Amino acid sequence: MFNRNRWYLEMTSSAESDSAVSREGGDIPSSIPLRPIRRSFLEIVMKRLFLAIKLPKKLVSDLAEIQQLLRERLSPKAVKWVERENLHLTLTFLGDQKETIIPILSDILNCVARENHRLTLKLSELGAFPDSENPKVIWIGCRGELEQLGRLHSDILSSLKELKIYVDQKFSAHITLGRVKEGEFASIPSSEHINQIIQKSQPFFVSSFSLMESLLLKWEPHYNTICKLLLSK
């Protein structure tokens, strides 16, 4: 509108103002107040989101023990291991989404949770994608009430379509332990000790799933829980 003036936003963290607008040229009378323009009105904030089932502490301890046994058998430079506190069962990855969609997304997912029952799962076997001879992702599979888990996943996908969020349709219940680094090679070893840990691990009760945000802090992934969604009894 004021084409003879140069406008710019000066962002500040001071308590006096979130932002300020400056003018040059003197065309605009000083008597006309300029309203501060907040950064949130000008930028679209994106968040990298996913849905996951959090794991009980005892199960995480079992998984961490399996990771350590694999570390001892594989090259220390070959695999980027998932940190203990980040271990989880992914339901689906939503990718980068606008922050403004989170409230309605949470409401829709809460409806899905109320329509699905709690379930029980157990560790099954050590595996890899695409295969154990040339793995890219090392994981532990799950068994148990997989039909109920599949129904939950299907309902989630249907709810996401209502928001025009389209995700990968494929689903395999697993917990990622590590990812083979680009240019590295690792072959998954057979281990009776690992098999024993899997067999002795206790079933875990799934009473909820969570909407999570993935952040990269100092080149390391960090996960924040946005909301916890309780399954029906």
C-alpha atoms as a PDB file:
ATOM      1  CA  MET A   1       0.000   0.000   0.000  1.00  0.00           C
ATOM      2  CA  PHE A   2       2.757   2.420   0.998  1.00  0.00           C
ATOM      3  CA  ASN A   3       4.990   1.785  -1.981  1.00  0.00           C
ATOM      4  CA  ARG A   4       7.415   4.601  -1.222  1.00  0.00           C
ATOM      5  CA  ASN A   5       8.339   3.243   2.145  1.00  0.00           C
ATOM      6  CA  ARG A   6      10.558   0.398   3.211  1.00  0.00           C
ATOM      7  CA  TRP A   7       8.979  -1.890   5.735  1.00  0.00           C
ATOM      8  CA  TYR A   8      10.674  -4.491   7.808  1.00  0.00           C
ATOM      9  CA  LEU A   9       9.992  -6.573  10.897  1.00  0.00           C
ATOM     10  CA  GLU A  10      12.438  -6.436  13.735  1.00  0.00           C
ATOM     11  CA  MET A  11      11.886  -9.514  15.924  1.00  0.00           C
ATOM     12  CA  THR A  12      12.864  -9.070  19.547  1.00  0.00           C
ATOM     13  CA  SER A  13      12.681 -11.227  22.616  1.00  0.00           C
ATOM     14  CA  SER A  14      12.303  -8.317  25.009  1.00  0.00           C
ATOM     15  CA  ALA A  15       9.337  -8.158  27.301  1.00  0.00           C
ATOM     16  CA  GLU A  16       8.299  -4.798  25.869  1.00  0.00           C
ATOM     17  CA  SER A  17       7.400  -6.048  22.382  1.00  0.00           C
ATOM     18  CA  ASP A  18       7.313  -9.230  20.318  1.00  0.00           C
ATOM     19  CA  SER A  19       8.010  -7.321  17.114  1.00  0.00           C
ATOM     20  CA  ALA A  20       8.227  -3.786  15.721  1.00  0.00           C
ATOM     21  CA  VAL A  21       7.567  -2.108  12.383  1.00  0.00           C
ATOM     22  CA  SER A  22       9.890   0.620  11.077  1.00  0.00           C
ATOM     23  CA  ARG A  23       9.266   3.137   8.288  1.00  0.00           C
ATOM     24  CA  GLU A  24      11.547   5.250   6.182  1.00  0.00           C
ATOM     25  CA  GLY A  25      10.862   8.162   3.854  1.00  0.00           C
ATOM     26  CA  GLY A  26       8.671  10.295   6.083  1.00  0.00           C
ATOM     27  CA  ASP A  27       5.471   9.940   3.982  1.00  0.00           C
ATOM     28  CA  ILE A  28       3.488   8.329   6.773  1.00  0.00           C
ATOM     29  CA  PRO A  29       2.446  10.773   9.446  1.00  0.00           C
ATOM     30  CA  SER A  30       3.828   9.908  12.843  1.00  0.00           C
ATOM     31  CA  SER A  31       0.329  10.378  14.236  1.00  0.00           C
ATOM     32  CA  ILE A  32      -0.751   7.153  12.561  1.00  0.00           C
ATOM     33  CA  PRO A  33       0.023   4.323  14.989  1.00  0.00           C
ATOM     34  CA  LEU A  34       1.548   1.168  13.610  1.00  0.00           C
ATOM     35  CA  ARG A  35       0.279  -1.997  15.219  1.00  0.00           C
ATOM     36  CA  PRO A  36       2.984  -4.567  16.046  1.00  0.00           C
ATOM     37  CA  ILE A  37       2.800  -7.582  13.791  1.00  0.00           C
ATOM     38  CA  ARG A  38       3.488 -10.832  15.622  1.00  0.00           C
ATOM     39  CA  ARG A  39       5.625 -13.472  13.984  1.00  0.00           C
ATOM     40  CA  SER A  40       2.943 -16.152  14.367  1.00  0.00           C
ATOM     41  CA  PHE A  41       0.659 -14.213  11.995  1.00  0.00           C
ATOM     42  CA  LEU A  42       3.271 -14.139   9.260  1.00  0.00           C
ATOM     43  CA  GLU A  43       4.817 -17.601   9.354  1.00  0.00           C
ATOM     44  CA  ILE A  44       3.368 -21.054   8.857  1.00  0.00           C
ATOM     45  CA  VAL A  45       4.827 -23.221  11.594  1.00  0.00           C
ATOM     46  CA  MET A  46       5.334 -26.823  10.525  1.00  0.00           C
ATOM     47  CA  LYS A  47       5.775 -29.805  12.821  1.00  0.00           C
ATOM     48  CA  ARG A  48       7.022 -33.284  11.957  1.00  0.00           C
ATOM     49  CA  LEU A  49       4.397 -35.593  13.444  1.00  0.00           C
ATOM     50  CA  PHE A  50       3.891 -39.303  13.987  1.00  0.00           C
ATOM     51  CA  LEU A  51       1.669 -41.634  16.006  1.00  0.00           C
ATOM     52  CA  ALA A  52       3.251 -44.149  18.325  1.00  0.00           C
ATOM     53  CA  ILE A  53       2.673 -46.627  21.127  1.00  0.00           C
ATOM     54  CA  LYS A  54       4.951 -45.958  24.075  1.00  0.00           C
ATOM     55  CA  LEU A  55       6.596 -48.942  25.732  1.00  0.00           C
ATOM     56  CA  PRO A  56       6.801 -49.987  29.412  1.00  0.00           C
ATOM     57  CA  LYS A  57      10.141 -49.596  31.182  1.00  0.00           C
ATOM     58  CA  LYS A  58      10.777 -53.339  31.561  1.00  0.00           C
ATOM     59  CA  LEU A  59      10.292 -53.902  27.851  1.00  0.00           C
ATOM     60  CA  VAL A  60      12.610 -50.991  27.043  1.00  0.00           C
ATOM     61  CA  SER A  61      15.248 -52.625  29.270  1.00  0.00           C
ATOM     62  CA  ASP A  62      14.905 -55.892  27.320  1.00  0.00           C
ATOM     63  CA  LEU A  63      15.238 -54.037  24.011  1.00  0.00           C
ATOM     64  CA  ALA A  64      18.281 -52.108  25.240  1.00  0.00           C
ATOM     65  CA  GLU A  65      19.910 -55.417  26.214  1.00  0.00           C
ATOM     66  CA  ILE A  66      19.265 -56.783  22.720  1.00  0.00           C
ATOM     67  CA  GLN A  67      20.767 -53.613  21.207  1.00  0.00           C
ATOM     68  CA  GLN A  68      23.908 -54.106  23.310  1.00  0.00           C
ATOM     69  CA  LEU A  69      24.284 -57.714  22.163  1.00  0.00           C
ATOM     70  CA  LEU A  70      23.987 -56.577  18.547  1.00  0.00           C
ATOM     71  CA  ARG A  71      26.518 -53.789  19.111  1.00  0.00           C
ATOM     72  CA  GLU A  72      29.016 -56.404  20.233  1.00  0.00           C
ATOM     73  CA  ARG A  73      28.552 -58.345  16.991  1.00  0.00           C
ATOM     74  CA  LEU A  74      28.338 -55.497  14.471  1.00  0.00           C
ATOM     75  CA  SER A  75      30.746 -52.772  13.445  1.00  0.00           C
ATOM     76  CA  PRO A  76      30.378 -49.785  15.822  1.00  0.00           C
ATOM     77  CA  LYS A  77      30.349 -47.409  12.827  1.00  0.00           C
ATOM     78  CA  ALA A  78      27.788 -49.341  10.773  1.00  0.00           C
ATOM     79  CA  VAL A  79      24.576 -48.727  12.700  1.00  0.00           C
ATOM     80  CA  LYS A  80      22.869 -45.678  14.179  1.00  0.00           C
ATOM     81  CA  TRP A  81      21.087 -47.136  17.201  1.00  0.00           C
ATOM     82  CA  VAL A  82      17.820 -45.716  18.508  1.00  0.00           C
ATOM     83  CA  GLU A  83      18.363 -44.144  21.906  1.00  0.00           C
ATOM     84  CA  ARG A  84      16.760 -45.983  24.796  1.00  0.00           C
ATOM     85  CA  GLU A  85      14.352 -43.128  25.577  1.00  0.00           C
ATOM     86  CA  ASN A  86      13.205 -42.992  21.935  1.00  0.00           C
ATOM     87  CA  LEU A  87      12.210 -46.660  21.537  1.00  0.00           C
ATOM     88  CA  HIS A  88       8.560 -46.993  20.505  1.00  0.00           C
ATOM     89  CA  LEU A  89       6.148 -48.794  18.177  1.00  0.00           C
ATOM     90  CA  THR A  90       5.227 -46.517  15.272  1.00  0.00           C
ATOM     91  CA  LEU A  91       1.611 -46.602  14.099  1.00  0.00           C
ATOM     92  CA  THR A  92       2.066 -44.142  11.244  1.00  0.00           C
ATOM     93  CA  PHE A  93       4.236 -41.219  10.183  1.00  0.00           C
ATOM     94  CA  LEU A  94       2.331 -38.039   9.326  1.00  0.00           C
ATOM     95  CA  GLY A  95       5.261 -36.021   8.005  1.00  0.00           C
ATOM     96  CA  ASP A  96       5.404 -32.223   8.177  1.00  0.00           C
ATOM     97  CA  GLN A  97       2.035 -30.739   9.105  1.00  0.00           C
ATOM     98  CA  LYS A  98       0.843 -27.226   9.926  1.00  0.00           C
ATOM     99  CA  GLU A  99       0.815 -26.534  13.637  1.00  0.00           C
ATOM    100  CA  THR A 100      -2.702 -25.121  13.318  1.00  0.00           C
ATOM    101  CA  ILE A 101      -4.079 -28.555  12.415  1.00  0.00           C
ATOM    102  CA  ILE A 102      -3.047 -30.129  15.726  1.00  0.00           C
ATOM    103  CA  PRO A 103      -6.206 -29.254  17.766  1.00  0.00           C
ATOM    104  CA  ILE A 104      -8.652 -30.770  15.265  1.00  0.00           C
ATOM    105  CA  LEU A 105      -6.263 -33.666  14.593  1.00  0.00           C
ATOM    106  CA  SER A 106      -6.179 -34.411  18.332  1.00  0.00           C
ATOM    107  CA  ASP A 107      -9.985 -34.324  18.534  1.00  0.00           C
ATOM    108  CA  ILE A 108     -10.409 -36.726  15.615  1.00  0.00           C
ATOM    109  CA  LEU A 109      -7.786 -39.135  16.953  1.00  0.00           C
ATOM    110  CA  ASN A 110      -9.433 -39.038  20.363  1.00  0.00           C
ATOM    111  CA  CYS A 111     -12.659 -40.243  18.725  1.00  0.00           C
ATOM    112  CA  VAL A 112     -10.728 -43.063  17.069  1.00  0.00           C
ATOM    113  CA  ALA A 113      -9.200 -44.051  20.406  1.00  0.00           C
ATOM    114  CA  ARG A 114     -12.590 -44.211  22.115  1.00  0.00           C
ATOM    115  CA  GLU A 115     -13.868 -46.565  19.400  1.00  0.00           C
ATOM    116  CA  ASN A 116     -10.968 -49.020  19.773  1.00  0.00           C
ATOM    117  CA  HIS A 117     -10.252 -51.381  22.640  1.00  0.00           C
ATOM    118  CA  ARG A 118      -7.104 -51.878  24.652  1.00  0.00           C
ATOM    119  CA  LEU A 119      -4.913 -54.770  23.569  1.00  0.00           C
ATOM    120  CA  THR A 120      -1.918 -56.907  24.497  1.00  0.00           C
ATOM    121  CA  LEU A 121       1.262 -57.446  22.475  1.00  0.00           C
ATOM    122  CA  LYS A 122       4.502 -59.376  22.917  1.00  0.00           C
ATOM    123  CA  LEU A 123       7.924 -59.384  21.255  1.00  0.00           C
ATOM    124  CA  SER A 124       8.207 -61.997  18.509  1.00  0.00           C
ATOM    125  CA  GLU A 125      11.471 -62.063  16.525  1.00  0.00           C
ATOM    126  CA  LEU A 126      14.511 -60.081  15.418  1.00  0.00           C
ATOM    127  CA  GLY A 127      14.258 -58.905  11.817  1.00  0.00           C
ATOM    128  CA  ALA A 128      15.339 -56.321   9.273  1.00  0.00           C
ATOM    129  CA  PHE A 129      14.138 -54.354   6.256  1.00  0.00           C
ATOM    130  CA  PRO A 130      14.534 -55.280   3.451  1.00  0.00           C
ATOM    131  CA  ASP A 131      16.153 -58.513   4.727  1.00  0.00           C
ATOM    132  CA  SER A 132      18.656 -59.822   7.268  1.00  0.00           C
ATOM    133  CA  GLU A 133      21.465 -60.236   4.716  1.00  0.00           C
ATOM    134  CA  ASN A 134      21.415 -56.617   3.590  1.00  0.00           C
ATOM    135  CA  PRO A 135      19.571 -54.725   6.312  1.00  0.00           C
ATOM    136  CA  LYS A 136      18.737 -51.025   6.301  1.00  0.00           C
ATOM    137  CA  VAL A 137      16.501 -51.081   9.379  1.00  0.00           C
ATOM    138  CA  ILE A 138      16.936 -53.504  12.303  1.00  0.00           C
ATOM    139  CA  TRP A 139      13.816 -54.211  14.313  1.00  0.00           C
ATOM    140  CA  ILE A 140      11.975 -56.468  16.753  1.00  0.00           C
ATOM    141  CA  GLY A 141       8.584 -57.709  15.601  1.00  0.00           C
ATOM    142  CA  CYS A 142       5.451 -58.022  17.723  1.00  0.00           C
ATOM    143  CA  ARG A 143       2.757 -60.670  18.060  1.00  0.00           C
ATOM    144  CA  GLY A 144      -0.459 -60.893  20.056  1.00  0.00           C
ATOM    145  CA  GLU A 145      -3.692 -59.064  19.310  1.00  0.00           C
ATOM    146  CA  LEU A 146      -2.515 -57.934  15.893  1.00  0.00           C
ATOM    147  CA  GLU A 147      -6.018 -57.976  14.404  1.00  0.00           C
ATOM    148  CA  GLN A 148      -7.150 -55.401  16.951  1.00  0.00           C
ATOM    149  CA  LEU A 149      -3.994 -53.382  16.323  1.00  0.00           C
ATOM    150  CA  GLY A 150      -4.635 -53.524  12.574  1.00  0.00           C
ATOM    151  CA  ARG A 151      -8.175 -52.258  13.114  1.00  0.00           C
ATOM    152  CA  LEU A 152      -6.832 -49.318  15.118  1.00  0.00           C
ATOM    153  CA  HIS A 153      -4.348 -48.528  12.354  1.00  0.00           C
ATOM    154  CA  SER A 154      -7.079 -48.717   9.696  1.00  0.00           C
ATOM    155  CA  ASP A 155      -9.340 -46.381  11.683  1.00  0.00           C
ATOM    156  CA  ILE A 156      -6.477 -43.926  12.086  1.00  0.00           C
ATOM    157  CA  LEU A 157      -5.879 -43.853   8.327  1.00  0.00           C
ATOM    158  CA  SER A 158      -9.584 -43.229   7.677  1.00  0.00           C
ATOM    159  CA  SER A 159      -9.617 -40.331  10.136  1.00  0.00           C
ATOM    160  CA  LEU A 160      -6.513 -38.789   8.588  1.00  0.00           C
ATOM    161  CA  LYS A 161      -8.146 -38.805   5.154  1.00  0.00           C
ATOM    162  CA  GLU A 162     -10.836 -36.518   6.548  1.00  0.00           C
ATOM    163  CA  LEU A 163      -8.083 -33.954   7.086  1.00  0.00           C
ATOM    164  CA  LYS A 164      -6.557 -34.709   3.677  1.00  0.00           C
ATOM    165  CA  ILE A 165      -3.499 -36.264   5.338  1.00  0.00           C
ATOM    166  CA  TYR A 166      -2.411 -39.236   3.245  1.00  0.00           C
ATOM    167  CA  VAL A 167       0.121 -41.648   4.697  1.00  0.00           C
ATOM    168  CA  ASP A 168       1.670 -45.012   3.881  1.00  0.00           C
ATOM    169  CA  GLN A 169      -1.044 -47.682   3.916  1.00  0.00           C
ATOM    170  CA  LYS A 170       1.351 -50.491   4.813  1.00  0.00           C
ATOM    171  CA  PHE A 171       1.707 -51.475   8.442  1.00  0.00           C
ATOM    172  CA  SER A 172       3.898 -54.024  10.188  1.00  0.00           C
ATOM    173  CA  ALA A 173       3.964 -54.079  13.975  1.00  0.00           C
ATOM    174  CA  HIS A 174       7.622 -53.636  14.916  1.00  0.00           C
ATOM    175  CA  ILE A 175       9.979 -51.645  17.116  1.00  0.00           C
ATOM    176  CA  THR A 176      12.977 -50.120  15.339  1.00  0.00           C
ATOM    177  CA  LEU A 177      16.290 -50.782  17.128  1.00  0.00           C
ATOM    178  CA  GLY A 178      18.676 -49.152  14.660  1.00  0.00           C
ATOM    179  CA  ARG A 179      19.334 -48.021  11.089  1.00  0.00           C
ATOM    180  CA  VAL A 180      22.330 -48.998   8.996  1.00  0.00           C
ATOM    181  CA  LYS A 181      24.246 -45.892   7.921  1.00  0.00           C
ATOM    182  CA  GLU A 182      24.573 -44.935   4.269  1.00  0.00           C
ATOM    183  CA  GLY A 183      27.449 -46.773   2.626  1.00  0.00           C
ATOM    184  CA  GLU A 184      27.857 -49.224   5.527  1.00  0.00           C
ATOM    185  CA  PHE A 185      27.105 -52.940   5.603  1.00  0.00           C
ATOM    186  CA  ALA A 186      25.771 -55.098   8.433  1.00  0.00           C
ATOM    187  CA  SER A 187      24.464 -58.655   8.480  1.00  0.00           C
ATOM    188  CA  ILE A 188      22.089 -59.615  11.298  1.00  0.00           C
ATOM    189  CA  PRO A 189      23.711 -62.390  13.364  1.00  0.00           C
ATOM    190  CA  SER A 190      21.773 -65.285  14.850  1.00  0.00           C
ATOM    191  CA  SER A 191      21.935 -65.281  18.643  1.00  0.00           C
ATOM    192  CA  GLU A 192      20.486 -67.738  21.112  1.00  0.00           C
ATOM    193  CA  HIS A 193      20.870 -65.145  23.844  1.00  0.00           C
ATOM    194  CA  ILE A 194      18.736 -62.634  21.932  1.00  0.00           C
ATOM    195  CA  ASN A 195      16.115 -65.323  21.264  1.00  0.00           C
ATOM    196  CA  GLN A 196      15.975 -66.095  24.990  1.00  0.00           C
ATOM    197  CA  ILE A 197      15.428 -62.444  25.874  1.00  0.00           C
ATOM    198  CA  ILE A 198      12.584 -62.250  23.364  1.00  0.00           C
ATOM    199  CA  GLN A 199      10.976 -65.451  24.631  1.00  0.00           C
ATOM    200  CA  LYS A 200      11.217 -64.398  28.289  1.00  0.00           C
ATOM    201  CA  SER A 201       9.966 -60.866  27.716  1.00  0.00           C
ATOM    202  CA  GLN A 202       6.605 -60.149  29.300  1.00  0.00           C
ATOM    203  CA  PRO A 203       3.518 -59.261  27.233  1.00  0.00           C
ATOM    204  CA  PHE A 204       2.822 -55.531  27.319  1.00  0.00           C
ATOM    205  CA  PHE A 205      -0.582 -53.927  27.698  1.00  0.00           C
ATOM    206  CA  VAL A 206      -1.484 -51.166  25.233  1.00  0.00           C
ATOM    207  CA  SER A 207      -3.987 -48.750  26.760  1.00  0.00           C
ATOM    208  CA  SER A 208      -3.163 -45.685  24.674  1.00  0.00           C
ATOM    209  CA  PHE A 209      -1.246 -44.241  21.764  1.00  0.00           C
ATOM    210  CA  SER A 210       0.319 -40.802  21.410  1.00  0.00           C
ATOM    211  CA  LEU A 211       0.587 -37.972  18.920  1.00  0.00           C
ATOM    212  CA  MET A 212       4.308 -37.180  18.821  1.00  0.00           C
ATOM    213  CA  GLU A 213       6.531 -34.458  17.411  1.00  0.00           C
ATOM    214  CA  SER A 214       9.987 -35.289  16.075  1.00  0.00           C
ATOM    215  CA  LEU A 215      12.693 -32.655  16.540  1.00  0.00           C
ATOM    216  CA  LEU A 216      16.340 -32.662  15.516  1.00  0.00           C
ATOM    217  CA  LEU A 217      18.428 -31.200  18.322  1.00  0.00           C
ATOM    218  CA  LYS A 218      22.207 -31.104  17.874  1.00  0.00           C
ATOM    219  CA  TRP A 219      21.843 -33.648  15.064  1.00  0.00           C
ATOM    220  CA  GLU A 220      20.061 -36.068  17.397  1.00  0.00           C
ATOM    221  CA  PRO A 221      16.322 -36.919  17.202  1.00  0.00           C
ATOM    222  CA  HIS A 222      14.192 -35.878  20.138  1.00  0.00           C
ATOM    223  CA  TYR A 223      10.520 -36.788  20.567  1.00  0.00           C
ATOM    224  CA  ASN A 224       7.889 -34.656  22.304  1.00  0.00           C
ATOM    225  CA  THR A 225       4.477 -35.976  23.289  1.00  0.00           C
ATOM    226  CA  ILE A 226       1.752 -33.616  22.068  1.00  0.00           C
ATOM    227  CA  CYS A 227      -1.166 -35.599  23.443  1.00  0.00           C
ATOM    228  CA  LYS A 228      -1.960 -39.042  24.819  1.00  0.00           C
ATOM    229  CA  LEU A 229      -5.036 -40.796  23.410  1.00  0.00           C
ATOM    230  CA  LEU A 230      -6.687 -43.355  25.673  1.00  0.00           C
ATOM    231  CA  LEU A 231      -8.185 -46.490  24.163  1.00  0.00           C
ATOM    232  CA  SER A 232     -11.592 -47.755  25.269  1.00  0.00           C
ATOM    233  CA  LYS A 233     -11.839 -50.365  28.006  1.00  0.00           C
END
